[in-house]
Amino acid sequence: MKICIENLTKKISKNVVLDNINLDLFGGNIYGFVGRNGSGKTMLMRAICGLILPSQGCVKIDDKIIGKDMSFPPNAGVLIEYPGFISSYSGFKNLKIISSIQKKISDEDIRKAMIEVGLNPDEKKNYRKYSLGMKQKLGIAAAVMENPKLLILDEPFNALDEESVNKVRNIILEKSNEDNIIIISCHDYEEINMLCNKIIKLDSGKVVNIRENFIEV
């Protein structure tokens, strides 16, 4: 897989939130997006997965343009900000509904993803009664359950305890292979340095630094 971001600019009203970004992202890498709040990390993630369309420039996934050749990257798993689930349904039922869109995975795959993040797939509790940590885990399970080639996780460790952080860290590392692109953002630089072999810093909607991080992934 390859992602080409070419002259990407996004304006909202008169504000430039992404400013002429040029990046090539390749399979086999875990990319860490870092920067202060409002630097453009989440907006860039949104652009890569087609949730916003550029004012100028484009995002290409394997030479196909988002918003022109396709509306959403094929084989992608995404957790950005707060995912929307049906409050009156259990976690498993929510994931079952999501999985019915592409019909790629079985109930057992859903159960496995929930167990991996530390959720009980047999729990009957409705989503509205979930704690913040449980909601975060369900969002991560939804992103990874179909074994995507493109995995985008925006602040995946929010609201997680240490044990859950370790579980999610292991999932990210397990999903890394020569075909997959993984993109994460995190305010914890220690986590970024532990997980990511390429670190991209944004500021005021611009890429200001790209750093190789020599770790085994």
N, C-alpha and C. Protein backbone atom coordinates (compact mmCIF):
# COMPACT_ATOMS: atom_id res chain seq x y z
N MET A 1 0.84 -1.20 0.00
CA MET A 1 0.00 0.00 0.00
C MET A 1 0.87 1.24 0.00
N LYS A 2 0.42 2.27 -0.70
CA LYS A 2 1.11 3.56 -0.71
C LYS A 2 0.07 4.68 -0.68
N ILE A 3 0.34 5.68 0.12
CA ILE A 3 -0.50 6.88 0.18
C ILE A 3 0.34 8.06 -0.26
N CYS A 4 -0.14 8.79 -1.25
CA CYS A 4 0.53 10.01 -1.71
C CYS A 4 -0.36 11.21 -1.38
N ILE A 5 0.17 12.12 -0.61
CA ILE A 5 -0.53 13.36 -0.29
C ILE A 5 0.16 14.47 -1.05
N GLU A 6 -0.57 15.11 -1.96
CA GLU A 6 0.03 16.05 -2.90
C GLU A 6 -0.59 17.44 -2.75
N ASN A 7 0.23 18.40 -2.35
CA ASN A 7 -0.18 19.81 -2.27
C ASN A 7 -1.52 19.99 -1.54
N LEU A 8 -1.69 19.24 -0.46
CA LEU A 8 -2.97 19.20 0.23
C LEU A 8 -3.18 20.45 1.07
N THR A 9 -4.23 21.19 0.73
CA THR A 9 -4.64 22.36 1.51
C THR A 9 -6.12 22.23 1.83
N LYS A 10 -6.46 22.53 3.08
CA LYS A 10 -7.86 22.53 3.48
C LYS A 10 -8.17 23.83 4.19
N LYS A 11 -9.18 24.53 3.68
CA LYS A 11 -9.65 25.76 4.29
C LYS A 11 -11.05 25.55 4.85
N ILE A 12 -11.28 26.01 6.06
CA ILE A 12 -12.60 26.00 6.67
C ILE A 12 -12.94 27.45 6.99
N SER A 13 -13.99 27.96 6.33
CA SER A 13 -14.25 29.41 6.32
C SER A 13 -13.00 30.07 5.75
N LYS A 14 -12.39 30.97 6.49
CA LYS A 14 -11.18 31.62 5.99
C LYS A 14 -9.92 31.06 6.65
N ASN A 15 -10.10 30.03 7.46
CA ASN A 15 -8.96 29.46 8.19
C ASN A 15 -8.31 28.33 7.39
N VAL A 16 -7.00 28.36 7.27
CA VAL A 16 -6.24 27.30 6.62
C VAL A 16 -5.87 26.29 7.70
N VAL A 17 -6.49 25.11 7.66
CA VAL A 17 -6.23 24.11 8.69
C VAL A 17 -5.20 23.08 8.24
N LEU A 18 -5.04 22.91 6.93
CA LEU A 18 -3.95 22.12 6.36
C LEU A 18 -3.33 22.95 5.25
N ASP A 19 -2.02 23.07 5.27
CA ASP A 19 -1.35 24.06 4.43
C ASP A 19 -0.29 23.41 3.54
N ASN A 20 -0.70 23.06 2.31
CA ASN A 20 0.22 22.58 1.27
C ASN A 20 1.08 21.42 1.77
N ILE A 21 0.43 20.36 2.19
CA ILE A 21 1.13 19.19 2.71
C ILE A 21 1.48 18.23 1.59
N ASN A 22 2.72 17.78 1.59
CA ASN A 22 3.20 16.76 0.65
C ASN A 22 3.86 15.65 1.45
N LEU A 23 3.29 14.45 1.35
CA LEU A 23 3.81 13.30 2.09
C LEU A 23 3.61 12.04 1.26
N ASP A 24 4.56 11.11 1.37
CA ASP A 24 4.39 9.76 0.85
C ASP A 24 4.48 8.80 2.02
N LEU A 25 3.45 7.97 2.18
CA LEU A 25 3.40 6.99 3.25
C LEU A 25 3.38 5.59 2.63
N PHE A 26 4.23 4.71 3.18
CA PHE A 26 4.42 3.40 2.58
C PHE A 26 4.07 2.28 3.54
N GLY A 27 3.61 1.16 2.97
CA GLY A 27 3.35 -0.02 3.76
C GLY A 27 4.59 -0.48 4.51
N GLY A 28 4.35 -1.10 5.66
CA GLY A 28 5.46 -1.57 6.48
C GLY A 28 5.92 -0.58 7.51
N ASN A 29 5.20 0.54 7.65
CA ASN A 29 5.61 1.58 8.59
C ASN A 29 4.49 1.92 9.56
N ILE A 30 4.89 2.30 10.78
CA ILE A 30 3.99 2.89 11.75
C ILE A 30 4.37 4.36 11.87
N TYR A 31 3.45 5.22 11.45
CA TYR A 31 3.70 6.66 11.45
C TYR A 31 3.08 7.29 12.69
N GLY A 32 3.83 8.14 13.34
CA GLY A 32 3.31 8.89 14.47
C GLY A 32 3.14 10.35 14.10
N PHE A 33 1.92 10.87 14.23
CA PHE A 33 1.66 12.29 14.02
C PHE A 33 1.73 12.99 15.38
N VAL A 34 2.59 13.97 15.48
CA VAL A 34 2.74 14.70 16.74
C VAL A 34 2.58 16.19 16.47
N GLY A 35 2.27 16.91 17.55
CA GLY A 35 2.07 18.36 17.46
C GLY A 35 1.07 18.79 18.51
N ARG A 36 1.08 20.08 18.80
CA ARG A 36 0.17 20.60 19.82
C ARG A 36 -1.27 20.54 19.33
N ASN A 37 -2.20 20.77 20.22
CA ASN A 37 -3.62 20.83 19.84
C ASN A 37 -3.82 21.90 18.77
N GLY A 38 -4.57 21.55 17.72
CA GLY A 38 -4.82 22.49 16.64
C GLY A 38 -3.73 22.52 15.59
N SER A 39 -2.76 21.61 15.68
CA SER A 39 -1.65 21.62 14.72
C SER A 39 -2.04 21.03 13.37
N GLY A 40 -3.14 20.26 13.33
CA GLY A 40 -3.58 19.68 12.06
C GLY A 40 -3.54 18.16 12.02
N LYS A 41 -3.16 17.52 13.12
CA LYS A 41 -3.03 16.07 13.13
C LYS A 41 -4.35 15.38 12.77
N THR A 42 -5.40 15.73 13.50
CA THR A 42 -6.69 15.07 13.27
C THR A 42 -7.24 15.43 11.90
N MET A 43 -7.08 16.67 11.47
CA MET A 43 -7.56 17.07 10.14
C MET A 43 -6.86 16.28 9.05
N LEU A 44 -5.56 16.06 9.20
CA LEU A 44 -4.83 15.29 8.20
C LEU A 44 -5.31 13.84 8.18
N MET A 45 -5.56 13.28 9.34
CA MET A 45 -6.13 11.94 9.39
C MET A 45 -7.49 11.89 8.70
N ARG A 46 -8.30 12.90 8.96
CA ARG A 46 -9.62 12.96 8.31
C ARG A 46 -9.50 13.02 6.79
N ALA A 47 -8.53 13.78 6.31
CA ALA A 47 -8.33 13.91 4.87
C ALA A 47 -7.88 12.58 4.26
N ILE A 48 -6.99 11.88 4.96
CA ILE A 48 -6.47 10.62 4.45
C ILE A 48 -7.59 9.58 4.30
N CYS A 49 -8.55 9.59 5.23
CA CYS A 49 -9.61 8.58 5.14
C CYS A 49 -10.88 9.12 4.49
N GLY A 50 -10.83 10.30 3.90
CA GLY A 50 -11.95 10.79 3.11
C GLY A 50 -13.08 11.43 3.90
N LEU A 51 -12.86 11.71 5.18
CA LEU A 51 -13.91 12.34 5.97
C LEU A 51 -14.02 13.84 5.70
N ILE A 52 -12.93 14.43 5.20
CA ILE A 52 -12.99 15.79 4.66
C ILE A 52 -12.32 15.77 3.30
N LEU A 53 -12.75 16.63 2.41
CA LEU A 53 -12.15 16.72 1.09
C LEU A 53 -11.30 17.99 1.01
N PRO A 54 -10.19 17.93 0.30
CA PRO A 54 -9.28 19.08 0.25
C PRO A 54 -9.85 20.26 -0.52
N SER A 55 -9.42 21.45 -0.14
CA SER A 55 -9.73 22.64 -0.93
C SER A 55 -8.83 22.70 -2.16
N GLN A 56 -7.61 22.20 -1.98
CA GLN A 56 -6.64 22.08 -3.08
C GLN A 56 -5.85 20.81 -2.86
N GLY A 57 -5.26 20.29 -3.96
CA GLY A 57 -4.45 19.10 -3.84
C GLY A 57 -5.29 17.85 -3.71
N CYS A 58 -4.64 16.73 -3.36
CA CYS A 58 -5.36 15.46 -3.28
C CYS A 58 -4.63 14.46 -2.40
N VAL A 59 -5.38 13.41 -2.06
CA VAL A 59 -4.83 12.23 -1.38
C VAL A 59 -5.06 11.04 -2.29
N LYS A 60 -3.98 10.31 -2.59
CA LYS A 60 -4.08 9.13 -3.44
C LYS A 60 -3.76 7.89 -2.62
N ILE A 61 -4.61 6.88 -2.75
CA ILE A 61 -4.35 5.57 -2.15
C ILE A 61 -4.09 4.61 -3.30
N ASP A 62 -2.84 4.15 -3.41
CA ASP A 62 -2.46 3.28 -4.53
C ASP A 62 -2.94 3.88 -5.86
N ASP A 63 -2.64 5.16 -6.04
CA ASP A 63 -2.89 5.92 -7.28
C ASP A 63 -4.37 6.24 -7.54
N LYS A 64 -5.24 5.93 -6.60
CA LYS A 64 -6.65 6.31 -6.74
C LYS A 64 -6.94 7.49 -5.81
N ILE A 65 -7.63 8.50 -6.34
CA ILE A 65 -7.82 9.75 -5.62
C ILE A 65 -9.06 9.68 -4.73
N ILE A 66 -8.85 10.00 -3.43
CA ILE A 66 -9.98 10.08 -2.50
C ILE A 66 -10.89 11.23 -2.91
N GLY A 67 -12.19 10.94 -2.97
CA GLY A 67 -13.16 11.96 -3.35
C GLY A 67 -13.42 12.02 -4.85
N LYS A 68 -12.63 11.26 -5.63
CA LYS A 68 -12.83 11.21 -7.07
C LYS A 68 -13.00 9.76 -7.53
N ASP A 69 -11.98 8.96 -7.31
CA ASP A 69 -12.04 7.55 -7.70
C ASP A 69 -12.71 6.69 -6.64
N MET A 70 -12.71 7.17 -5.41
CA MET A 70 -13.37 6.46 -4.31
C MET A 70 -13.65 7.47 -3.21
N SER A 71 -14.65 7.16 -2.39
CA SER A 71 -15.01 8.09 -1.32
C SER A 71 -14.29 7.77 -0.02
N PHE A 72 -13.85 6.53 0.12
CA PHE A 72 -13.22 6.08 1.36
C PHE A 72 -12.18 5.04 1.00
N PRO A 73 -11.03 5.02 1.67
CA PRO A 73 -10.01 4.02 1.33
C PRO A 73 -10.54 2.61 1.53
N PRO A 74 -10.25 1.71 0.62
CA PRO A 74 -10.64 0.32 0.83
C PRO A 74 -9.81 -0.29 1.94
N ASN A 75 -10.41 -1.19 2.67
CA ASN A 75 -9.69 -1.93 3.70
C ASN A 75 -9.03 -1.01 4.73
N ALA A 76 -9.82 -0.11 5.29
CA ALA A 76 -9.31 0.84 6.30
C ALA A 76 -10.07 0.67 7.60
N GLY A 77 -9.36 0.85 8.70
CA GLY A 77 -9.95 0.90 10.02
C GLY A 77 -9.59 2.22 10.67
N VAL A 78 -10.59 2.91 11.21
CA VAL A 78 -10.37 4.29 11.65
C VAL A 78 -10.99 4.53 13.03
N LEU A 79 -10.21 5.16 13.91
CA LEU A 79 -10.73 5.70 15.16
C LEU A 79 -10.30 7.15 15.23
N ILE A 80 -11.25 8.05 15.02
CA ILE A 80 -10.96 9.49 15.10
C ILE A 80 -11.96 10.13 16.04
N GLU A 81 -11.43 10.77 17.07
CA GLU A 81 -12.25 11.42 18.10
C GLU A 81 -13.24 10.41 18.68
N TYR A 82 -14.52 10.76 18.79
CA TYR A 82 -15.46 9.90 19.47
C TYR A 82 -16.32 9.16 18.45
N PRO A 83 -16.15 7.83 18.35
CA PRO A 83 -16.94 7.08 17.36
C PRO A 83 -18.41 7.05 17.75
N GLY A 84 -19.27 6.96 16.77
CA GLY A 84 -20.70 6.92 17.03
C GLY A 84 -21.22 5.50 17.09
N PHE A 85 -21.74 5.12 18.24
CA PHE A 85 -22.36 3.81 18.40
C PHE A 85 -23.80 4.00 18.85
N ILE A 86 -24.61 2.97 18.68
CA ILE A 86 -26.01 3.03 19.08
C ILE A 86 -26.09 2.79 20.58
N SER A 87 -26.59 3.77 21.31
CA SER A 87 -26.49 3.75 22.78
C SER A 87 -27.30 2.64 23.42
N SER A 88 -28.36 2.17 22.75
CA SER A 88 -29.23 1.17 23.36
C SER A 88 -28.81 -0.27 23.03
N TYR A 89 -27.72 -0.42 22.27
CA TYR A 89 -27.24 -1.75 21.89
C TYR A 89 -25.97 -2.10 22.67
N SER A 90 -25.73 -3.39 22.80
CA SER A 90 -24.50 -3.86 23.44
C SER A 90 -23.31 -3.59 22.52
N GLY A 91 -22.12 -3.73 23.09
CA GLY A 91 -20.92 -3.55 22.28
C GLY A 91 -20.87 -4.54 21.13
N PHE A 92 -21.14 -5.80 21.41
CA PHE A 92 -21.09 -6.81 20.35
C PHE A 92 -22.10 -6.50 19.25
N LYS A 93 -23.31 -6.11 19.62
CA LYS A 93 -24.35 -5.83 18.62
C LYS A 93 -23.95 -4.64 17.76
N ASN A 94 -23.33 -3.63 18.37
CA ASN A 94 -22.85 -2.50 17.58
C ASN A 94 -21.82 -2.94 16.55
N LEU A 95 -20.86 -3.75 16.97
CA LEU A 95 -19.82 -4.21 16.04
C LEU A 95 -20.41 -5.12 14.97
N LYS A 96 -21.41 -5.91 15.35
CA LYS A 96 -22.08 -6.78 14.38
C LYS A 96 -22.73 -5.95 13.28
N ILE A 97 -23.35 -4.84 13.65
CA ILE A 97 -23.97 -3.96 12.65
C ILE A 97 -22.91 -3.38 11.71
N ILE A 98 -21.81 -2.92 12.28
CA ILE A 98 -20.73 -2.36 11.46
C ILE A 98 -20.18 -3.42 10.51
N SER A 99 -19.99 -4.63 11.01
CA SER A 99 -19.42 -5.69 10.18
C SER A 99 -20.34 -6.11 9.04
N SER A 100 -21.65 -5.86 9.20
CA SER A 100 -22.61 -6.26 8.17
C SER A 100 -22.49 -5.41 6.90
N ILE A 101 -21.78 -4.29 7.00
CA ILE A 101 -21.62 -3.42 5.82
C ILE A 101 -20.80 -4.12 4.74
N GLN A 102 -19.66 -4.67 5.15
CA GLN A 102 -18.78 -5.31 4.17
C GLN A 102 -18.87 -6.83 4.20
N LYS A 103 -19.42 -7.37 5.27
CA LYS A 103 -19.59 -8.83 5.39
C LYS A 103 -18.28 -9.59 5.15
N LYS A 104 -17.23 -9.09 5.79
CA LYS A 104 -15.90 -9.70 5.61
C LYS A 104 -15.52 -10.61 6.76
N ILE A 105 -16.15 -10.44 7.91
CA ILE A 105 -15.71 -11.17 9.10
C ILE A 105 -16.88 -11.89 9.76
N SER A 106 -16.52 -12.85 10.60
CA SER A 106 -17.51 -13.67 11.30
C SER A 106 -17.75 -13.13 12.71
N ASP A 107 -18.77 -13.68 13.36
CA ASP A 107 -19.02 -13.34 14.76
C ASP A 107 -17.80 -13.64 15.61
N GLU A 108 -17.10 -14.72 15.28
CA GLU A 108 -15.92 -15.10 16.06
C GLU A 108 -14.81 -14.06 15.91
N ASP A 109 -14.68 -13.47 14.73
CA ASP A 109 -13.70 -12.39 14.54
C ASP A 109 -14.04 -11.18 15.41
N ILE A 110 -15.33 -10.87 15.50
CA ILE A 110 -15.77 -9.75 16.35
C ILE A 110 -15.44 -10.05 17.81
N ARG A 111 -15.76 -11.25 18.23
CA ARG A 111 -15.48 -11.65 19.61
C ARG A 111 -13.98 -11.55 19.91
N LYS A 112 -13.17 -12.02 18.97
CA LYS A 112 -11.72 -11.98 19.16
C LYS A 112 -11.23 -10.56 19.32
N ALA A 113 -11.73 -9.64 18.49
CA ALA A 113 -11.30 -8.23 18.57
C ALA A 113 -11.69 -7.63 19.91
N MET A 114 -12.89 -7.95 20.40
CA MET A 114 -13.33 -7.41 21.68
C MET A 114 -12.47 -7.95 22.82
N ILE A 115 -12.18 -9.23 22.78
CA ILE A 115 -11.35 -9.83 23.83
C ILE A 115 -9.95 -9.23 23.80
N GLU A 116 -9.41 -8.99 22.61
CA GLU A 116 -8.06 -8.43 22.49
C GLU A 116 -7.94 -7.06 23.16
N VAL A 117 -8.99 -6.26 23.08
CA VAL A 117 -8.92 -4.93 23.71
C VAL A 117 -9.36 -4.95 25.17
N GLY A 118 -9.84 -6.11 25.64
CA GLY A 118 -10.22 -6.22 27.04
C GLY A 118 -11.70 -6.06 27.31
N LEU A 119 -12.53 -6.29 26.30
CA LEU A 119 -13.98 -6.25 26.48
C LEU A 119 -14.55 -7.66 26.44
N ASN A 120 -15.62 -7.86 27.17
CA ASN A 120 -16.32 -9.14 27.19
C ASN A 120 -17.41 -9.13 26.11
N PRO A 121 -17.28 -9.95 25.07
CA PRO A 121 -18.29 -9.92 24.00
C PRO A 121 -19.67 -10.41 24.45
N ASP A 122 -19.73 -11.10 25.59
CA ASP A 122 -21.01 -11.58 26.10
C ASP A 122 -21.67 -10.59 27.07
N GLU A 123 -21.01 -9.47 27.31
CA GLU A 123 -21.56 -8.43 28.19
C GLU A 123 -22.82 -7.84 27.56
N LYS A 124 -23.92 -7.85 28.32
CA LYS A 124 -25.20 -7.37 27.81
C LYS A 124 -25.42 -5.88 28.06
N LYS A 125 -24.50 -5.26 28.77
CA LYS A 125 -24.63 -3.84 29.09
C LYS A 125 -24.74 -3.01 27.82
N ASN A 126 -25.67 -2.07 27.80
CA ASN A 126 -25.82 -1.17 26.65
C ASN A 126 -24.66 -0.19 26.59
N TYR A 127 -24.37 0.28 25.39
CA TYR A 127 -23.26 1.20 25.18
C TYR A 127 -23.39 2.46 26.04
N ARG A 128 -24.61 2.92 26.27
CA ARG A 128 -24.80 4.15 27.06
C ARG A 128 -24.27 4.00 28.48
N LYS A 129 -24.16 2.76 28.95
CA LYS A 129 -23.68 2.51 30.31
C LYS A 129 -22.18 2.22 30.36
N TYR A 130 -21.54 2.28 29.21
CA TYR A 130 -20.11 2.03 29.16
C TYR A 130 -19.35 3.18 29.82
N SER A 131 -18.25 2.85 30.47
CA SER A 131 -17.32 3.88 30.94
C SER A 131 -16.57 4.47 29.75
N LEU A 132 -15.86 5.57 29.98
CA LEU A 132 -15.07 6.17 28.89
C LEU A 132 -14.05 5.19 28.35
N GLY A 133 -13.42 4.44 29.26
CA GLY A 133 -12.43 3.47 28.82
C GLY A 133 -13.03 2.37 27.97
N MET A 134 -14.22 1.88 28.36
CA MET A 134 -14.89 0.84 27.57
C MET A 134 -15.29 1.36 26.20
N LYS A 135 -15.74 2.62 26.15
CA LYS A 135 -16.10 3.21 24.86
C LYS A 135 -14.88 3.30 23.94
N GLN A 136 -13.74 3.68 24.53
CA GLN A 136 -12.51 3.76 23.75
C GLN A 136 -12.11 2.39 23.22
N LYS A 137 -12.21 1.39 24.06
CA LYS A 137 -11.86 0.03 23.65
C LYS A 137 -12.76 -0.46 22.51
N LEU A 138 -14.05 -0.14 22.60
CA LEU A 138 -14.97 -0.57 21.55
C LEU A 138 -14.63 0.12 20.23
N GLY A 139 -14.25 1.40 20.30
CA GLY A 139 -13.84 2.10 19.09
C GLY A 139 -12.60 1.48 18.47
N ILE A 140 -11.66 1.06 19.29
CA ILE A 140 -10.45 0.42 18.77
C ILE A 140 -10.79 -0.95 18.18
N ALA A 141 -11.66 -1.71 18.87
CA ALA A 141 -12.08 -3.00 18.34
C ALA A 141 -12.74 -2.84 16.97
N ALA A 142 -13.59 -1.82 16.83
CA ALA A 142 -14.24 -1.56 15.54
C ALA A 142 -13.21 -1.26 14.45
N ALA A 143 -12.15 -0.54 14.81
CA ALA A 143 -11.14 -0.16 13.82
C ALA A 143 -10.30 -1.34 13.37
N VAL A 144 -10.03 -2.28 14.27
CA VAL A 144 -9.08 -3.35 13.94
C VAL A 144 -9.73 -4.66 13.55
N MET A 145 -11.04 -4.84 13.80
CA MET A 145 -11.64 -6.17 13.71
C MET A 145 -11.61 -6.76 12.30
N GLU A 146 -11.58 -5.92 11.27
CA GLU A 146 -11.56 -6.44 9.91
C GLU A 146 -10.15 -6.54 9.34
N ASN A 147 -9.16 -6.45 10.23
CA ASN A 147 -7.75 -6.59 9.85
C ASN A 147 -7.39 -5.67 8.68
N PRO A 148 -7.56 -4.37 8.85
CA PRO A 148 -7.38 -3.43 7.74
C PRO A 148 -5.92 -3.26 7.33
N LYS A 149 -5.73 -2.90 6.07
CA LYS A 149 -4.39 -2.57 5.58
C LYS A 149 -3.99 -1.14 5.94
N LEU A 150 -4.97 -0.28 6.14
CA LEU A 150 -4.73 1.08 6.62
C LEU A 150 -5.44 1.23 7.95
N LEU A 151 -4.65 1.49 8.99
CA LEU A 151 -5.21 1.65 10.33
C LEU A 151 -4.85 3.03 10.85
N ILE A 152 -5.88 3.83 11.17
CA ILE A 152 -5.70 5.20 11.65
C ILE A 152 -6.31 5.31 13.04
N LEU A 153 -5.47 5.63 14.01
CA LEU A 153 -5.92 5.72 15.40
C LEU A 153 -5.52 7.08 15.97
N ASP A 154 -6.52 7.89 16.24
CA ASP A 154 -6.31 9.23 16.79
C ASP A 154 -6.41 9.16 18.31
N GLU A 155 -5.31 9.37 18.99
CA GLU A 155 -5.25 9.31 20.46
C GLU A 155 -5.87 8.00 20.99
N PRO A 156 -5.33 6.86 20.58
CA PRO A 156 -5.95 5.58 20.96
C PRO A 156 -5.85 5.25 22.44
N PHE A 157 -4.94 5.90 23.17
CA PHE A 157 -4.73 5.55 24.58
C PHE A 157 -5.56 6.40 25.54
N ASN A 158 -6.37 7.30 25.00
CA ASN A 158 -7.22 8.13 25.87
C ASN A 158 -8.11 7.27 26.76
N ALA A 159 -8.17 7.59 28.03
CA ALA A 159 -9.08 6.98 29.01
C ALA A 159 -8.76 5.52 29.32
N LEU A 160 -7.58 5.04 28.88
CA LEU A 160 -7.23 3.64 29.13
C LEU A 160 -6.29 3.52 30.32
N ASP A 161 -6.49 2.46 31.11
CA ASP A 161 -5.56 2.18 32.20
C ASP A 161 -4.31 1.50 31.65
N GLU A 162 -3.33 1.28 32.51
CA GLU A 162 -2.03 0.77 32.05
C GLU A 162 -2.15 -0.59 31.37
N GLU A 163 -2.97 -1.46 31.92
CA GLU A 163 -3.14 -2.79 31.32
C GLU A 163 -3.74 -2.68 29.92
N SER A 164 -4.72 -1.80 29.77
CA SER A 164 -5.37 -1.62 28.47
C SER A 164 -4.43 -0.97 27.46
N VAL A 165 -3.61 -0.03 27.93
CA VAL A 165 -2.61 0.58 27.06
C VAL A 165 -1.68 -0.49 26.50
N ASN A 166 -1.25 -1.41 27.35
CA ASN A 166 -0.38 -2.50 26.89
C ASN A 166 -1.07 -3.37 25.86
N LYS A 167 -2.35 -3.64 26.07
CA LYS A 167 -3.10 -4.45 25.10
C LYS A 167 -3.16 -3.75 23.74
N VAL A 168 -3.48 -2.46 23.75
CA VAL A 168 -3.60 -1.72 22.49
C VAL A 168 -2.24 -1.58 21.82
N ARG A 169 -1.21 -1.35 22.61
CA ARG A 169 0.14 -1.27 22.06
C ARG A 169 0.50 -2.56 21.33
N ASN A 170 0.18 -3.69 21.94
CA ASN A 170 0.48 -4.99 21.33
C ASN A 170 -0.33 -5.20 20.05
N ILE A 171 -1.58 -4.75 20.06
CA ILE A 171 -2.41 -4.87 18.85
C ILE A 171 -1.78 -4.08 17.70
N ILE A 172 -1.35 -2.85 17.99
CA ILE A 172 -0.74 -2.01 16.95
C ILE A 172 0.50 -2.69 16.37
N LEU A 173 1.34 -3.23 17.23
CA LEU A 173 2.56 -3.89 16.76
C LEU A 173 2.23 -5.16 15.97
N GLU A 174 1.22 -5.89 16.40
CA GLU A 174 0.82 -7.10 15.70
C GLU A 174 0.26 -6.80 14.31
N LYS A 175 -0.40 -5.65 14.17
CA LYS A 175 -0.99 -5.29 12.87
C LYS A 175 0.06 -4.76 11.89
N SER A 176 1.25 -4.49 12.37
CA SER A 176 2.29 -3.93 11.51
C SER A 176 2.93 -5.03 10.66
N ASN A 177 2.88 -4.88 9.36
CA ASN A 177 3.60 -5.77 8.45
C ASN A 177 3.91 -5.00 7.17
N GLU A 178 4.57 -5.66 6.23
CA GLU A 178 5.08 -4.95 5.05
C GLU A 178 4.00 -4.37 4.16
N ASP A 179 2.78 -4.86 4.28
CA ASP A 179 1.69 -4.36 3.44
C ASP A 179 0.89 -3.23 4.10
N ASN A 180 0.93 -3.15 5.41
CA ASN A 180 0.03 -2.25 6.14
C ASN A 180 0.67 -0.89 6.43
N ILE A 181 -0.19 0.13 6.44
CA ILE A 181 0.19 1.46 6.93
C ILE A 181 -0.60 1.72 8.20
N ILE A 182 0.11 2.06 9.26
CA ILE A 182 -0.53 2.40 10.52
C ILE A 182 -0.16 3.84 10.85
N ILE A 183 -1.17 4.63 11.19
CA ILE A 183 -0.97 6.04 11.56
C ILE A 183 -1.60 6.25 12.94
N ILE A 184 -0.81 6.75 13.87
CA ILE A 184 -1.37 7.06 15.18
C ILE A 184 -0.98 8.49 15.58
N SER A 185 -1.82 9.10 16.37
CA SER A 185 -1.44 10.36 17.02
C SER A 185 -1.52 10.13 18.51
N CYS A 186 -0.68 10.82 19.24
CA CYS A 186 -0.65 10.64 20.68
C CYS A 186 0.09 11.81 21.31
N HIS A 187 -0.43 12.31 22.42
CA HIS A 187 0.26 13.38 23.13
C HIS A 187 1.44 12.85 23.93
N ASP A 188 1.49 11.55 24.16
CA ASP A 188 2.56 10.94 24.93
C ASP A 188 3.72 10.60 23.99
N TYR A 189 4.77 11.41 24.01
CA TYR A 189 5.89 11.19 23.11
C TYR A 189 6.59 9.87 23.39
N GLU A 190 6.53 9.41 24.63
CA GLU A 190 7.15 8.12 24.95
C GLU A 190 6.47 6.99 24.19
N GLU A 191 5.14 7.03 24.11
CA GLU A 191 4.40 6.03 23.35
C GLU A 191 4.74 6.12 21.86
N ILE A 192 4.79 7.32 21.34
CA ILE A 192 5.13 7.52 19.93
C ILE A 192 6.50 6.94 19.63
N ASN A 193 7.47 7.25 20.48
CA ASN A 193 8.84 6.76 20.27
C ASN A 193 8.93 5.25 20.41
N MET A 194 8.06 4.67 21.24
CA MET A 194 8.07 3.23 21.45
C MET A 194 7.48 2.48 20.25
N LEU A 195 6.48 3.09 19.60
CA LEU A 195 5.71 2.39 18.57
C LEU A 195 6.08 2.74 17.14
N CYS A 196 6.46 3.99 16.90
CA CYS A 196 6.52 4.50 15.53
C CYS A 196 7.95 4.56 15.00
N ASN A 197 8.12 4.08 13.78
CA ASN A 197 9.45 4.18 13.17
C ASN A 197 9.59 5.43 12.30
N LYS A 198 8.49 6.14 12.08
CA LYS A 198 8.56 7.43 11.38
C LYS A 198 7.65 8.42 12.13
N ILE A 199 8.21 9.56 12.49
CA ILE A 199 7.48 10.53 13.30
C ILE A 199 7.37 11.84 12.52
N ILE A 200 6.14 12.28 12.33
CA ILE A 200 5.84 13.46 11.51
C ILE A 200 5.26 14.54 12.42
N LYS A 201 5.93 15.66 12.49
CA LYS A 201 5.48 16.76 13.34
C LYS A 201 4.74 17.80 12.53
N LEU A 202 3.57 18.19 13.03
CA LEU A 202 2.79 19.23 12.38
C LEU A 202 2.69 20.45 13.28
N ASP A 203 2.60 21.61 12.65
CA ASP A 203 2.38 22.86 13.37
C ASP A 203 1.66 23.82 12.44
N SER A 204 0.57 24.37 12.92
CA SER A 204 -0.23 25.33 12.13
C SER A 204 -0.61 24.78 10.76
N GLY A 205 -0.94 23.50 10.73
CA GLY A 205 -1.39 22.87 9.48
C GLY A 205 -0.29 22.50 8.52
N LYS A 206 0.96 22.63 8.92
CA LYS A 206 2.10 22.32 8.05
C LYS A 206 2.92 21.17 8.64
N VAL A 207 3.52 20.38 7.76
CA VAL A 207 4.51 19.41 8.20
C VAL A 207 5.82 20.15 8.41
N VAL A 208 6.32 20.16 9.65
CA VAL A 208 7.53 20.92 9.95
C VAL A 208 8.74 20.03 10.19
N ASN A 209 8.50 18.72 10.37
CA ASN A 209 9.63 17.83 10.58
C ASN A 209 9.20 16.39 10.35
N ILE A 210 10.07 15.61 9.72
CA ILE A 210 9.88 14.17 9.56
C ILE A 210 11.14 13.49 10.09
N ARG A 211 10.93 12.59 11.05
CA ARG A 211 12.10 11.99 11.71
C ARG A 211 12.00 10.48 11.66
N GLU A 212 13.12 9.84 11.28
CA GLU A 212 13.24 8.40 11.37
C GLU A 212 13.47 8.01 12.82
N ASN A 213 12.78 6.98 13.27
CA ASN A 213 12.94 6.50 14.64
C ASN A 213 13.33 5.02 14.55
N PHE A 214 14.55 4.72 14.82
CA PHE A 214 15.07 3.38 14.53
C PHE A 214 14.72 2.40 15.63
N ILE A 215 13.56 1.78 15.44
CA ILE A 215 13.10 0.75 16.36
C ILE A 215 12.68 -0.44 15.53
N GLU A 216 12.55 -1.58 16.18
CA GLU A 216 12.02 -2.76 15.51
C GLU A 216 10.51 -2.75 15.64
N VAL A 217 9.82 -2.82 14.49
CA VAL A 217 8.36 -2.86 14.50
C VAL A 217 7.87 -4.08 13.74
